[in-house]
Amino acid sequence: MIQGFEEYTAPLTDYERDALLPRLVHYLSLCNGAANAVKNGTIVRHLRYYGCKATEARVRKLINHIRIHALVPCLVASSRGYYVTDDPEELDKFIASLAGREDAIRAVRVSMENQRNTIQPCRR
């Protein structure tokens, strides 16, 4: 769980694992190629159509779980949405994108640590 984002990053609930996850795995496994990409909002509407309750934030958490556990292999994302690829170059681009985001987050963390060291205590 990420501090400050507990509601969004909490472990999957029994409902999410038992009801949402299987339906989402099936749905995403049909999204082959960028032409069949599906956006988060569309996923939420799809799940709601079938009577499932989900938010965009929790769908992202479910997708994180799906990727970590390789429930839908090679599930990538672009500005078009989520989709499955069998193109090694596309997968490499997605991996590079993840590495870039990782580096950007690290740079902000390091900067904030440096800024924290410059804060003067307030005197009352």
N, C-alpha and C. Protein backbone atom coordinates (compact mmCIF):
# COMPACT_ATOMS: atom_id res chain seq x y z
N MET A 1 0.84 -1.17 0.00
CA MET A 1 0.00 0.00 0.00
C MET A 1 0.88 1.24 0.00
N ILE A 2 0.47 2.26 -0.73
CA ILE A 2 1.25 3.49 -0.82
C ILE A 2 0.64 4.52 0.11
N GLN A 3 1.47 5.08 1.00
CA GLN A 3 0.99 6.04 1.98
C GLN A 3 0.38 7.26 1.28
N GLY A 4 -0.79 7.64 1.75
CA GLY A 4 -1.51 8.77 1.15
C GLY A 4 -2.45 8.33 0.04
N PHE A 5 -2.30 7.10 -0.41
CA PHE A 5 -3.14 6.57 -1.49
C PHE A 5 -3.69 5.20 -1.10
N GLU A 6 -3.94 5.03 0.20
CA GLU A 6 -4.35 3.72 0.71
C GLU A 6 -5.62 3.20 0.03
N GLU A 7 -6.59 4.09 -0.20
CA GLU A 7 -7.86 3.66 -0.79
C GLU A 7 -7.64 3.06 -2.18
N TYR A 8 -6.65 3.58 -2.91
CA TYR A 8 -6.41 3.14 -4.28
C TYR A 8 -5.45 1.97 -4.38
N THR A 9 -4.54 1.88 -3.41
CA THR A 9 -3.47 0.89 -3.52
C THR A 9 -3.60 -0.26 -2.52
N ALA A 10 -4.71 -0.30 -1.79
CA ALA A 10 -4.95 -1.39 -0.83
C ALA A 10 -4.96 -2.72 -1.58
N PRO A 11 -4.62 -3.79 -0.89
CA PRO A 11 -4.68 -5.12 -1.53
C PRO A 11 -6.07 -5.38 -2.08
N LEU A 12 -6.14 -6.28 -3.04
CA LEU A 12 -7.43 -6.62 -3.62
C LEU A 12 -8.35 -7.19 -2.55
N THR A 13 -9.62 -6.79 -2.64
CA THR A 13 -10.62 -7.35 -1.73
C THR A 13 -11.05 -8.72 -2.26
N ASP A 14 -11.76 -9.47 -1.45
CA ASP A 14 -12.28 -10.76 -1.90
C ASP A 14 -13.19 -10.55 -3.12
N TYR A 15 -14.02 -9.50 -3.08
CA TYR A 15 -14.92 -9.20 -4.19
C TYR A 15 -14.14 -8.93 -5.47
N GLU A 16 -13.09 -8.11 -5.37
CA GLU A 16 -12.29 -7.79 -6.55
C GLU A 16 -11.60 -9.04 -7.09
N ARG A 17 -11.06 -9.85 -6.20
CA ARG A 17 -10.33 -11.05 -6.62
C ARG A 17 -11.28 -12.10 -7.21
N ASP A 18 -12.45 -12.27 -6.58
CA ASP A 18 -13.35 -13.35 -6.99
C ASP A 18 -14.33 -12.96 -8.09
N ALA A 19 -14.79 -11.71 -8.10
CA ALA A 19 -15.81 -11.29 -9.06
C ALA A 19 -15.23 -10.47 -10.22
N LEU A 20 -14.40 -9.49 -9.90
CA LEU A 20 -13.91 -8.59 -10.94
C LEU A 20 -12.73 -9.17 -11.72
N LEU A 21 -11.78 -9.74 -11.03
CA LEU A 21 -10.55 -10.19 -11.67
C LEU A 21 -10.80 -11.19 -12.80
N PRO A 22 -11.58 -12.24 -12.60
CA PRO A 22 -11.79 -13.18 -13.71
C PRO A 22 -12.44 -12.53 -14.93
N ARG A 23 -13.41 -11.66 -14.69
CA ARG A 23 -14.09 -10.98 -15.80
C ARG A 23 -13.11 -10.05 -16.53
N LEU A 24 -12.29 -9.33 -15.77
CA LEU A 24 -11.33 -8.41 -16.37
C LEU A 24 -10.25 -9.15 -17.14
N VAL A 25 -9.77 -10.26 -16.60
CA VAL A 25 -8.77 -11.08 -17.30
C VAL A 25 -9.34 -11.54 -18.64
N HIS A 26 -10.56 -12.02 -18.63
CA HIS A 26 -11.18 -12.48 -19.87
C HIS A 26 -11.32 -11.33 -20.87
N TYR A 27 -11.83 -10.20 -20.40
CA TYR A 27 -12.05 -9.04 -21.27
C TYR A 27 -10.74 -8.55 -21.89
N LEU A 28 -9.71 -8.39 -21.06
CA LEU A 28 -8.44 -7.88 -21.57
C LEU A 28 -7.75 -8.87 -22.49
N SER A 29 -7.95 -10.15 -22.27
CA SER A 29 -7.32 -11.15 -23.14
C SER A 29 -7.86 -11.09 -24.56
N LEU A 30 -9.01 -10.44 -24.75
CA LEU A 30 -9.59 -10.29 -26.08
C LEU A 30 -9.10 -9.03 -26.80
N CYS A 31 -8.38 -8.18 -26.08
CA CYS A 31 -7.91 -6.90 -26.63
C CYS A 31 -6.53 -7.09 -27.25
N ASN A 32 -6.48 -7.77 -28.38
CA ASN A 32 -5.22 -8.06 -29.04
C ASN A 32 -4.86 -6.98 -30.05
N GLY A 33 -3.70 -6.35 -29.84
CA GLY A 33 -3.22 -5.32 -30.74
C GLY A 33 -3.73 -3.94 -30.37
N ALA A 34 -2.95 -2.94 -30.78
CA ALA A 34 -3.28 -1.55 -30.45
C ALA A 34 -4.63 -1.13 -31.01
N ALA A 35 -5.03 -1.72 -32.13
CA ALA A 35 -6.32 -1.37 -32.74
C ALA A 35 -7.49 -1.78 -31.84
N ASN A 36 -7.25 -2.70 -30.92
CA ASN A 36 -8.30 -3.18 -30.02
C ASN A 36 -8.09 -2.70 -28.58
N ALA A 37 -7.30 -1.66 -28.41
CA ALA A 37 -7.02 -1.12 -27.08
C ALA A 37 -8.31 -0.63 -26.43
N VAL A 38 -8.35 -0.76 -25.11
CA VAL A 38 -9.53 -0.34 -24.35
C VAL A 38 -9.09 0.58 -23.22
N LYS A 39 -9.77 1.70 -23.08
CA LYS A 39 -9.43 2.68 -22.05
C LYS A 39 -10.05 2.29 -20.71
N ASN A 40 -9.49 2.85 -19.65
CA ASN A 40 -9.92 2.55 -18.30
C ASN A 40 -11.42 2.81 -18.12
N GLY A 41 -11.90 3.95 -18.57
CA GLY A 41 -13.31 4.28 -18.42
C GLY A 41 -14.21 3.28 -19.11
N THR A 42 -13.78 2.78 -20.25
CA THR A 42 -14.55 1.77 -20.97
C THR A 42 -14.58 0.47 -20.18
N ILE A 43 -13.48 0.13 -19.54
CA ILE A 43 -13.44 -1.07 -18.71
C ILE A 43 -14.42 -0.95 -17.56
N VAL A 44 -14.42 0.21 -16.90
CA VAL A 44 -15.35 0.43 -15.78
C VAL A 44 -16.79 0.29 -16.25
N ARG A 45 -17.12 0.89 -17.39
CA ARG A 45 -18.48 0.77 -17.93
C ARG A 45 -18.82 -0.68 -18.28
N HIS A 46 -17.86 -1.40 -18.84
CA HIS A 46 -18.06 -2.82 -19.17
C HIS A 46 -18.38 -3.61 -17.90
N LEU A 47 -17.59 -3.40 -16.85
CA LEU A 47 -17.81 -4.12 -15.61
C LEU A 47 -19.17 -3.75 -15.00
N ARG A 48 -19.51 -2.47 -15.04
CA ARG A 48 -20.80 -2.02 -14.48
C ARG A 48 -21.97 -2.61 -15.27
N TYR A 49 -21.80 -2.75 -16.58
CA TYR A 49 -22.84 -3.34 -17.42
C TYR A 49 -23.20 -4.74 -16.92
N TYR A 50 -22.19 -5.45 -16.44
CA TYR A 50 -22.40 -6.79 -15.92
C TYR A 50 -22.67 -6.80 -14.41
N GLY A 51 -23.00 -5.64 -13.87
CA GLY A 51 -23.38 -5.55 -12.46
C GLY A 51 -22.23 -5.50 -11.48
N CYS A 52 -21.04 -5.29 -11.96
CA CYS A 52 -19.86 -5.24 -11.09
C CYS A 52 -19.55 -3.80 -10.73
N LYS A 53 -19.17 -3.59 -9.49
CA LYS A 53 -18.80 -2.25 -9.02
C LYS A 53 -17.29 -2.10 -9.11
N ALA A 54 -16.86 -1.02 -9.78
CA ALA A 54 -15.43 -0.76 -9.92
C ALA A 54 -15.20 0.71 -10.18
N THR A 55 -14.07 1.21 -9.73
CA THR A 55 -13.65 2.58 -10.05
C THR A 55 -12.43 2.50 -10.94
N GLU A 56 -12.11 3.60 -11.60
CA GLU A 56 -10.91 3.62 -12.46
C GLU A 56 -9.65 3.33 -11.66
N ALA A 57 -9.58 3.86 -10.44
CA ALA A 57 -8.39 3.62 -9.61
C ALA A 57 -8.24 2.14 -9.27
N ARG A 58 -9.34 1.48 -8.94
CA ARG A 58 -9.26 0.07 -8.59
C ARG A 58 -9.02 -0.79 -9.82
N VAL A 59 -9.49 -0.36 -10.99
CA VAL A 59 -9.17 -1.08 -12.23
C VAL A 59 -7.66 -1.03 -12.45
N ARG A 60 -7.04 0.14 -12.20
CA ARG A 60 -5.58 0.22 -12.33
C ARG A 60 -4.90 -0.75 -11.37
N LYS A 61 -5.42 -0.88 -10.15
CA LYS A 61 -4.86 -1.82 -9.17
C LYS A 61 -5.03 -3.25 -9.68
N LEU A 62 -6.19 -3.57 -10.23
CA LEU A 62 -6.43 -4.90 -10.79
C LEU A 62 -5.48 -5.19 -11.95
N ILE A 63 -5.27 -4.19 -12.80
CA ILE A 63 -4.36 -4.37 -13.94
C ILE A 63 -2.93 -4.57 -13.44
N ASN A 64 -2.56 -3.85 -12.40
CA ASN A 64 -1.25 -4.05 -11.79
C ASN A 64 -1.10 -5.50 -11.33
N HIS A 65 -2.12 -6.02 -10.69
CA HIS A 65 -2.12 -7.42 -10.22
C HIS A 65 -2.03 -8.38 -11.41
N ILE A 66 -2.80 -8.10 -12.44
CA ILE A 66 -2.80 -8.95 -13.64
C ILE A 66 -1.40 -8.99 -14.26
N ARG A 67 -0.75 -7.85 -14.34
CA ARG A 67 0.59 -7.79 -14.94
C ARG A 67 1.62 -8.50 -14.08
N ILE A 68 1.61 -8.23 -12.78
CA ILE A 68 2.60 -8.83 -11.88
C ILE A 68 2.50 -10.35 -11.88
N HIS A 69 1.29 -10.85 -11.98
CA HIS A 69 1.08 -12.30 -11.94
C HIS A 69 0.93 -12.91 -13.34
N ALA A 70 1.20 -12.11 -14.37
CA ALA A 70 1.17 -12.57 -15.77
C ALA A 70 -0.13 -13.31 -16.11
N LEU A 71 -1.25 -12.78 -15.61
CA LEU A 71 -2.55 -13.40 -15.90
C LEU A 71 -2.99 -13.12 -17.34
N VAL A 72 -2.52 -12.01 -17.89
CA VAL A 72 -2.70 -11.68 -19.31
C VAL A 72 -1.31 -11.29 -19.80
N PRO A 73 -0.57 -12.24 -20.35
CA PRO A 73 0.81 -11.95 -20.77
C PRO A 73 0.89 -10.81 -21.79
N CYS A 74 1.91 -10.00 -21.62
CA CYS A 74 2.23 -8.89 -22.53
C CYS A 74 1.11 -7.86 -22.62
N LEU A 75 0.47 -7.59 -21.50
CA LEU A 75 -0.55 -6.55 -21.43
C LEU A 75 0.15 -5.21 -21.28
N VAL A 76 0.07 -4.39 -22.30
CA VAL A 76 0.73 -3.08 -22.31
C VAL A 76 -0.33 -1.99 -22.34
N ALA A 77 0.13 -0.76 -22.35
CA ALA A 77 -0.79 0.37 -22.43
C ALA A 77 -0.14 1.48 -23.24
N SER A 78 -1.01 2.26 -23.85
CA SER A 78 -0.58 3.45 -24.57
C SER A 78 -1.67 4.50 -24.34
N SER A 79 -1.56 5.61 -25.02
CA SER A 79 -2.61 6.63 -24.91
C SER A 79 -3.95 6.11 -25.45
N ARG A 80 -3.89 5.03 -26.23
CA ARG A 80 -5.13 4.41 -26.75
C ARG A 80 -5.82 3.54 -25.72
N GLY A 81 -5.07 3.05 -24.74
CA GLY A 81 -5.64 2.18 -23.72
C GLY A 81 -4.78 0.95 -23.51
N TYR A 82 -5.39 -0.06 -22.89
CA TYR A 82 -4.72 -1.32 -22.59
C TYR A 82 -4.94 -2.30 -23.72
N TYR A 83 -3.90 -3.08 -24.02
CA TYR A 83 -4.04 -4.13 -25.03
C TYR A 83 -2.90 -5.14 -24.90
N VAL A 84 -3.10 -6.28 -25.51
CA VAL A 84 -2.10 -7.36 -25.51
C VAL A 84 -1.30 -7.25 -26.80
N THR A 85 0.01 -7.40 -26.68
CA THR A 85 0.87 -7.37 -27.86
C THR A 85 1.69 -8.65 -27.96
N ASP A 86 1.99 -9.02 -29.19
CA ASP A 86 2.94 -10.11 -29.42
C ASP A 86 4.15 -9.59 -30.19
N ASP A 87 4.26 -8.26 -30.25
CA ASP A 87 5.35 -7.60 -30.96
C ASP A 87 6.47 -7.25 -29.97
N PRO A 88 7.64 -7.90 -30.08
CA PRO A 88 8.74 -7.63 -29.15
C PRO A 88 9.15 -6.15 -29.11
N GLU A 89 9.10 -5.46 -30.25
CA GLU A 89 9.47 -4.04 -30.27
C GLU A 89 8.48 -3.21 -29.46
N GLU A 90 7.20 -3.52 -29.60
CA GLU A 90 6.18 -2.81 -28.84
C GLU A 90 6.37 -3.04 -27.34
N LEU A 91 6.65 -4.28 -26.99
CA LEU A 91 6.88 -4.61 -25.59
C LEU A 91 8.13 -3.89 -25.07
N ASP A 92 9.18 -3.83 -25.86
CA ASP A 92 10.39 -3.11 -25.47
C ASP A 92 10.11 -1.63 -25.25
N LYS A 93 9.29 -1.03 -26.10
CA LYS A 93 8.92 0.39 -25.93
C LYS A 93 8.16 0.59 -24.62
N PHE A 94 7.27 -0.33 -24.31
CA PHE A 94 6.51 -0.22 -23.07
C PHE A 94 7.43 -0.36 -21.86
N ILE A 95 8.35 -1.30 -21.92
CA ILE A 95 9.32 -1.49 -20.84
C ILE A 95 10.17 -0.23 -20.67
N ALA A 96 10.60 0.36 -21.78
CA ALA A 96 11.38 1.61 -21.71
C ALA A 96 10.55 2.74 -21.09
N SER A 97 9.27 2.79 -21.42
CA SER A 97 8.39 3.79 -20.84
C SER A 97 8.29 3.61 -19.33
N LEU A 98 8.15 2.36 -18.88
CA LEU A 98 8.10 2.09 -17.44
C LEU A 98 9.40 2.53 -16.77
N ALA A 99 10.53 2.23 -17.40
CA ALA A 99 11.83 2.61 -16.83
C ALA A 99 11.95 4.13 -16.74
N GLY A 100 11.47 4.84 -17.75
CA GLY A 100 11.50 6.30 -17.73
C GLY A 100 10.65 6.86 -16.60
N ARG A 101 9.47 6.29 -16.39
CA ARG A 101 8.60 6.75 -15.30
C ARG A 101 9.24 6.46 -13.95
N GLU A 102 9.87 5.29 -13.85
CA GLU A 102 10.58 4.91 -12.63
C GLU A 102 11.69 5.93 -12.33
N ASP A 103 12.47 6.29 -13.34
CA ASP A 103 13.54 7.27 -13.18
C ASP A 103 13.00 8.64 -12.77
N ALA A 104 11.88 9.04 -13.38
CA ALA A 104 11.28 10.35 -13.07
C ALA A 104 10.80 10.39 -11.62
N ILE A 105 10.20 9.32 -11.14
CA ILE A 105 9.74 9.26 -9.75
C ILE A 105 10.93 9.30 -8.81
N ARG A 106 11.98 8.57 -9.14
CA ARG A 106 13.19 8.56 -8.30
C ARG A 106 13.79 9.97 -8.22
N ALA A 107 13.84 10.68 -9.34
CA ALA A 107 14.41 12.04 -9.36
C ALA A 107 13.61 12.97 -8.45
N VAL A 108 12.30 12.85 -8.46
CA VAL A 108 11.47 13.69 -7.58
C VAL A 108 11.73 13.32 -6.12
N ARG A 109 11.80 12.01 -5.82
CA ARG A 109 12.05 11.59 -4.44
C ARG A 109 13.38 12.14 -3.93
N VAL A 110 14.43 12.02 -4.73
CA VAL A 110 15.76 12.52 -4.33
C VAL A 110 15.71 14.03 -4.11
N SER A 111 15.05 14.74 -5.01
CA SER A 111 14.93 16.19 -4.86
C SER A 111 14.17 16.55 -3.57
N MET A 112 13.10 15.82 -3.28
CA MET A 112 12.33 16.11 -2.07
C MET A 112 13.14 15.81 -0.82
N GLU A 113 13.95 14.76 -0.86
CA GLU A 113 14.83 14.46 0.28
C GLU A 113 15.82 15.60 0.49
N ASN A 114 16.38 16.13 -0.60
CA ASN A 114 17.31 17.25 -0.49
C ASN A 114 16.60 18.49 0.04
N GLN A 115 15.38 18.74 -0.44
CA GLN A 115 14.62 19.90 0.04
C GLN A 115 14.29 19.76 1.53
N ARG A 116 13.99 18.53 1.95
CA ARG A 116 13.66 18.28 3.36
C ARG A 116 14.83 18.68 4.25
N ASN A 117 16.03 18.48 3.76
CA ASN A 117 17.22 18.83 4.54
C ASN A 117 17.44 20.32 4.66
N THR A 118 16.73 21.11 3.87
CA THR A 118 16.91 22.57 3.92
C THR A 118 15.81 23.27 4.74
N ILE A 119 14.81 22.55 5.16
CA ILE A 119 13.70 23.16 5.91
C ILE A 119 14.18 23.60 7.29
N GLN A 120 13.87 24.84 7.61
CA GLN A 120 14.19 25.36 8.94
C GLN A 120 12.96 25.19 9.83
N PRO A 121 13.16 24.71 11.04
CA PRO A 121 12.02 24.54 11.95
C PRO A 121 11.36 25.89 12.22
N CYS A 122 10.04 25.89 12.33
CA CYS A 122 9.30 27.11 12.64
C CYS A 122 9.50 27.46 14.11
N ARG A 123 9.70 28.74 14.37
CA ARG A 123 9.84 29.21 15.75
C ARG A 123 8.56 29.90 16.14
N ARG A 124 8.06 29.56 17.29
CA ARG A 124 6.80 30.18 17.77
C ARG A 124 7.06 31.00 18.97
